[in-house]
Amino acid sequence: MQKQMKFGIGIGVIVLSMAFLAWLGYGESKTYYHTIAELQTLKGADLTHRMRLGGTVQPGTIRRLSGRVDFVLLGEGKTLPVSYVGSDPLPDTFVDNSQALVEGRPAPDGRFVAEHVQAKCASKYEAAPGGNSGASSSSPQSSTM
């Protein structure tokens, strides 16, 4: 009976530990999506949550510094200074006027500290002017032999 009790207590400790770690992981992995305009209206505990923001990189604002990259996002007529401090290199498509999605937390000084940056250049994937998507049209040709 003594062995069974020790075994049961050991299993209980393991199960409780795993449940606690799962709860912590869930809380840290939650990410809220907000717009730049919404960010300025958030108060209190909402500002401590991990969040995603999207916008357009303002031309001429990308500055590569030691250990971080600073830039400004534009969205809905508002601007937001962002500091990227992540360890991954920025994507090749991260240039002026590109669409960017940043993930991180707001800093007390009004900046947004991003740990992840995703970027795309929308103009690169648009259809060519005139509606021709690059496919060659085949026209019937007569052959003479």
C-alpha atoms as a PDB file:
ATOM      1  CA  MET A   1       0.000   0.000   0.000  1.00  0.00           C
ATOM      2  CA  GLN A   2       2.907   2.357   0.810  1.00  0.00           C
ATOM      3  CA  LYS A   3       4.437   1.891  -2.681  1.00  0.00           C
ATOM      4  CA  GLN A   4       1.130   2.648  -4.375  1.00  0.00           C
ATOM      5  CA  MET A   5       0.721   5.892  -2.419  1.00  0.00           C
ATOM      6  CA  LYS A   6       4.248   7.067  -3.314  1.00  0.00           C
ATOM      7  CA  PHE A   7       3.620   6.186  -6.950  1.00  0.00           C
ATOM      8  CA  GLY A   8       0.280   8.045  -6.949  1.00  0.00           C
ATOM      9  CA  ILE A   9       1.834  11.161  -5.393  1.00  0.00           C
ATOM     10  CA  GLY A  10       4.668  11.071  -7.953  1.00  0.00           C
ATOM     11  CA  ILE A  11       2.194  10.798 -10.849  1.00  0.00           C
ATOM     12  CA  GLY A  12       0.117  13.638  -9.370  1.00  0.00           C
ATOM     13  CA  VAL A  13       3.167  15.927  -9.120  1.00  0.00           C
ATOM     14  CA  ILE A  14       4.120  15.173 -12.734  1.00  0.00           C
ATOM     15  CA  VAL A  15       0.597  15.775 -14.035  1.00  0.00           C
ATOM     16  CA  LEU A  16       0.272  19.077 -12.118  1.00  0.00           C
ATOM     17  CA  SER A  17       3.690  20.222 -13.353  1.00  0.00           C
ATOM     18  CA  MET A  18       2.780  19.446 -16.972  1.00  0.00           C
ATOM     19  CA  ALA A  19      -0.557  21.249 -16.637  1.00  0.00           C
ATOM     20  CA  PHE A  20       1.167  24.322 -15.154  1.00  0.00           C
ATOM     21  CA  LEU A  21       3.747  24.412 -17.969  1.00  0.00           C
ATOM     22  CA  ALA A  22       1.008  24.065 -20.600  1.00  0.00           C
ATOM     23  CA  TRP A  23      -0.918  26.947 -19.037  1.00  0.00           C
ATOM     24  CA  LEU A  24       2.219  29.153 -19.030  1.00  0.00           C
ATOM     25  CA  GLY A  25       2.982  28.270 -22.656  1.00  0.00           C
ATOM     26  CA  TYR A  26      -0.547  29.081 -23.740  1.00  0.00           C
ATOM     27  CA  GLY A  27      -0.411  32.489 -22.074  1.00  0.00           C
ATOM     28  CA  GLU A  28       2.919  33.384 -23.692  1.00  0.00           C
ATOM     29  CA  SER A  29       1.942  32.232 -27.174  1.00  0.00           C
ATOM     30  CA  LYS A  30      -1.268  34.288 -27.407  1.00  0.00           C
ATOM     31  CA  THR A  31      -0.886  37.181 -29.831  1.00  0.00           C
ATOM     32  CA  TYR A  32      -3.496  39.870 -30.405  1.00  0.00           C
ATOM     33  CA  TYR A  33      -3.790  41.681 -33.759  1.00  0.00           C
ATOM     34  CA  HIS A  34      -4.323  45.430 -33.579  1.00  0.00           C
ATOM     35  CA  THR A  35      -4.098  48.278 -36.042  1.00  0.00           C
ATOM     36  CA  ILE A  36      -1.818  51.254 -35.449  1.00  0.00           C
ATOM     37  CA  ALA A  37      -4.840  53.446 -34.677  1.00  0.00           C
ATOM     38  CA  GLU A  38      -6.150  50.909 -32.121  1.00  0.00           C
ATOM     39  CA  LEU A  39      -2.781  50.745 -30.389  1.00  0.00           C
ATOM     40  CA  GLN A  40      -3.069  54.390 -29.388  1.00  0.00           C
ATOM     41  CA  THR A  41      -6.413  53.721 -27.667  1.00  0.00           C
ATOM     42  CA  LEU A  42      -5.246  50.732 -25.570  1.00  0.00           C
ATOM     43  CA  LYS A  43      -4.807  51.228 -21.834  1.00  0.00           C
ATOM     44  CA  GLY A  44      -3.591  49.327 -18.805  1.00  0.00           C
ATOM     45  CA  ALA A  45      -3.017  45.597 -19.072  1.00  0.00           C
ATOM     46  CA  ASP A  46      -3.863  45.565 -22.784  1.00  0.00           C
ATOM     47  CA  LEU A  47      -0.532  47.295 -23.442  1.00  0.00           C
ATOM     48  CA  THR A  48       1.432  44.460 -21.841  1.00  0.00           C
ATOM     49  CA  HIS A  49       0.068  41.764 -24.157  1.00  0.00           C
ATOM     50  CA  ARG A  50       2.048  40.415 -27.044  1.00  0.00           C
ATOM     51  CA  MET A  51       0.546  41.761 -30.288  1.00  0.00           C
ATOM     52  CA  ARG A  52       0.828  42.007 -34.055  1.00  0.00           C
ATOM     53  CA  LEU A  53       0.565  45.202 -36.058  1.00  0.00           C
ATOM     54  CA  GLY A  54       0.535  45.733 -39.796  1.00  0.00           C
ATOM     55  CA  GLY A  55       1.355  48.727 -41.929  1.00  0.00           C
ATOM     56  CA  THR A  56       3.487  50.212 -44.681  1.00  0.00           C
ATOM     57  CA  VAL A  57       7.162  51.007 -44.127  1.00  0.00           C
ATOM     58  CA  GLN A  58       7.567  54.782 -44.430  1.00  0.00           C
ATOM     59  CA  PRO A  59      10.170  55.630 -47.102  1.00  0.00           C
ATOM     60  CA  GLY A  60      13.535  56.778 -45.798  1.00  0.00           C
ATOM     61  CA  THR A  61      13.020  55.631 -42.205  1.00  0.00           C
ATOM     62  CA  ILE A  62      14.890  52.302 -42.186  1.00  0.00           C
ATOM     63  CA  ARG A  63      18.005  52.727 -40.027  1.00  0.00           C
ATOM     64  CA  ARG A  64      20.257  49.769 -39.270  1.00  0.00           C
ATOM     65  CA  LEU A  65      21.930  50.230 -35.903  1.00  0.00           C
ATOM     66  CA  SER A  66      24.050  47.965 -33.760  1.00  0.00           C
ATOM     67  CA  GLY A  67      21.756  45.204 -32.474  1.00  0.00           C
ATOM     68  CA  ARG A  68      18.519  46.607 -33.892  1.00  0.00           C
ATOM     69  CA  VAL A  69      16.769  48.089 -36.903  1.00  0.00           C
ATOM     70  CA  ASP A  70      14.568  51.175 -36.512  1.00  0.00           C
ATOM     71  CA  PHE A  71      11.809  52.134 -38.952  1.00  0.00           C
ATOM     72  CA  VAL A  72       8.382  53.760 -39.017  1.00  0.00           C
ATOM     73  CA  LEU A  73       5.119  52.019 -39.946  1.00  0.00           C
ATOM     74  CA  LEU A  74       2.244  53.929 -41.534  1.00  0.00           C
ATOM     75  CA  GLY A  75      -1.358  52.826 -41.228  1.00  0.00           C
ATOM     76  CA  GLU A  76      -4.757  54.509 -41.266  1.00  0.00           C
ATOM     77  CA  GLY A  77      -3.134  57.948 -41.289  1.00  0.00           C
ATOM     78  CA  LYS A  78      -1.098  57.190 -38.143  1.00  0.00           C
ATOM     79  CA  THR A  79       2.610  56.488 -37.709  1.00  0.00           C
ATOM     80  CA  LEU A  80       4.360  54.153 -35.304  1.00  0.00           C
ATOM     81  CA  PRO A  81       8.124  54.028 -34.627  1.00  0.00           C
ATOM     82  CA  VAL A  82       9.322  50.415 -34.477  1.00  0.00           C
ATOM     83  CA  SER A  83      12.583  48.909 -33.218  1.00  0.00           C
ATOM     84  CA  TYR A  84      13.301  45.374 -34.431  1.00  0.00           C
ATOM     85  CA  VAL A  85      15.503  43.538 -31.942  1.00  0.00           C
ATOM     86  CA  GLY A  86      15.051  39.966 -33.165  1.00  0.00           C
ATOM     87  CA  SER A  87      17.905  37.627 -33.998  1.00  0.00           C
ATOM     88  CA  ASP A  88      16.628  36.580 -37.431  1.00  0.00           C
ATOM     89  CA  PRO A  89      17.768  38.584 -40.461  1.00  0.00           C
ATOM     90  CA  LEU A  90      15.137  40.828 -42.032  1.00  0.00           C
ATOM     91  CA  PRO A  91      13.505  39.526 -45.222  1.00  0.00           C
ATOM     92  CA  ASP A  92      14.845  40.738 -48.593  1.00  0.00           C
ATOM     93  CA  THR A  93      11.440  42.255 -49.334  1.00  0.00           C
ATOM     94  CA  PHE A  94      11.710  44.579 -46.330  1.00  0.00           C
ATOM     95  CA  VAL A  95      12.237  47.874 -48.176  1.00  0.00           C
ATOM     96  CA  ASP A  96      10.623  51.328 -48.354  1.00  0.00           C
ATOM     97  CA  ASN A  97       6.861  51.219 -49.092  1.00  0.00           C
ATOM     98  CA  SER A  98       6.622  47.477 -48.428  1.00  0.00           C
ATOM     99  CA  GLN A  99       3.842  45.995 -46.314  1.00  0.00           C
ATOM    100  CA  ALA A 100       5.150  44.742 -42.969  1.00  0.00           C
ATOM    101  CA  LEU A 101       3.685  42.750 -40.106  1.00  0.00           C
ATOM    102  CA  VAL A 102       5.508  43.145 -36.791  1.00  0.00           C
ATOM    103  CA  GLU A 103       5.090  41.091 -33.638  1.00  0.00           C
ATOM    104  CA  GLY A 104       6.165  42.201 -30.174  1.00  0.00           C
ATOM    105  CA  ARG A 105       5.183  44.614 -27.390  1.00  0.00           C
ATOM    106  CA  PRO A 106       4.789  48.373 -27.008  1.00  0.00           C
ATOM    107  CA  ALA A 107       7.557  50.122 -25.055  1.00  0.00           C
ATOM    108  CA  PRO A 108       6.880  52.843 -22.468  1.00  0.00           C
ATOM    109  CA  ASP A 109       8.563  55.475 -24.678  1.00  0.00           C
ATOM    110  CA  GLY A 110       5.935  55.098 -27.436  1.00  0.00           C
ATOM    111  CA  ARG A 111       7.971  52.800 -29.663  1.00  0.00           C
ATOM    112  CA  PHE A 112       6.939  49.283 -30.608  1.00  0.00           C
ATOM    113  CA  VAL A 113       9.635  46.677 -29.888  1.00  0.00           C
ATOM    114  CA  ALA A 114       9.327  43.931 -32.495  1.00  0.00           C
ATOM    115  CA  GLU A 115      10.787  40.465 -32.129  1.00  0.00           C
ATOM    116  CA  HIS A 116       9.545  39.212 -35.520  1.00  0.00           C
ATOM    117  CA  VAL A 117       9.073  41.059 -38.821  1.00  0.00           C
ATOM    118  CA  GLN A 118       7.340  39.742 -41.936  1.00  0.00           C
ATOM    119  CA  ALA A 119       7.423  41.792 -45.115  1.00  0.00           C
ATOM    120  CA  LYS A 120       6.177  41.631 -48.656  1.00  0.00           C
ATOM    121  CA  CYS A 121       6.313  43.879 -51.671  1.00  0.00           C
ATOM    122  CA  ALA A 122       2.792  43.908 -53.085  1.00  0.00           C
ATOM    123  CA  SER A 123       3.824  45.482 -56.396  1.00  0.00           C
ATOM    124  CA  LYS A 124       6.038  42.488 -57.137  1.00  0.00           C
ATOM    125  CA  TYR A 125       3.018  40.199 -57.343  1.00  0.00           C
ATOM    126  CA  GLU A 126       0.556  42.416 -59.210  1.00  0.00           C
ATOM    127  CA  ALA A 127      -0.601  41.612 -62.719  1.00  0.00           C
ATOM    128  CA  ALA A 128       1.175  43.376 -65.557  1.00  0.00           C
ATOM    129  CA  PRO A 129      -0.551  46.506 -66.956  1.00  0.00           C
ATOM    130  CA  GLY A 130      -2.984  45.742 -69.750  1.00  0.00           C
ATOM    131  CA  GLY A 131      -4.277  42.552 -68.154  1.00  0.00           C
ATOM    132  CA  ASN A 132      -1.672  40.324 -69.802  1.00  0.00           C
ATOM    133  CA  SER A 133      -0.333  38.025 -67.143  1.00  0.00           C
ATOM    134  CA  GLY A 134       2.677  37.033 -69.195  1.00  0.00           C
ATOM    135  CA  ALA A 135       1.091  34.079 -70.941  1.00  0.00           C
ATOM    136  CA  SER A 136       1.720  34.156 -74.624  1.00  0.00           C
ATOM    137  CA  SER A 137      -1.337  33.997 -76.770  1.00  0.00           C
ATOM    138  CA  SER A 138      -1.243  31.552 -79.586  1.00  0.00           C
ATOM    139  CA  SER A 139      -2.557  32.721 -82.894  1.00  0.00           C
ATOM    140  CA  PRO A 140      -3.377  30.344 -85.701  1.00  0.00           C
ATOM    141  CA  GLN A 141      -0.775  30.428 -88.399  1.00  0.00           C
ATOM    142  CA  SER A 142      -1.043  28.954 -91.802  1.00  0.00           C
ATOM    143  CA  SER A 143       1.804  26.899 -93.007  1.00  0.00           C
ATOM    144  CA  THR A 144       2.672  26.417 -96.608  1.00  0.00           C
ATOM    145  CA  MET A 145       4.532  23.409 -97.732  1.00  0.00           C
END
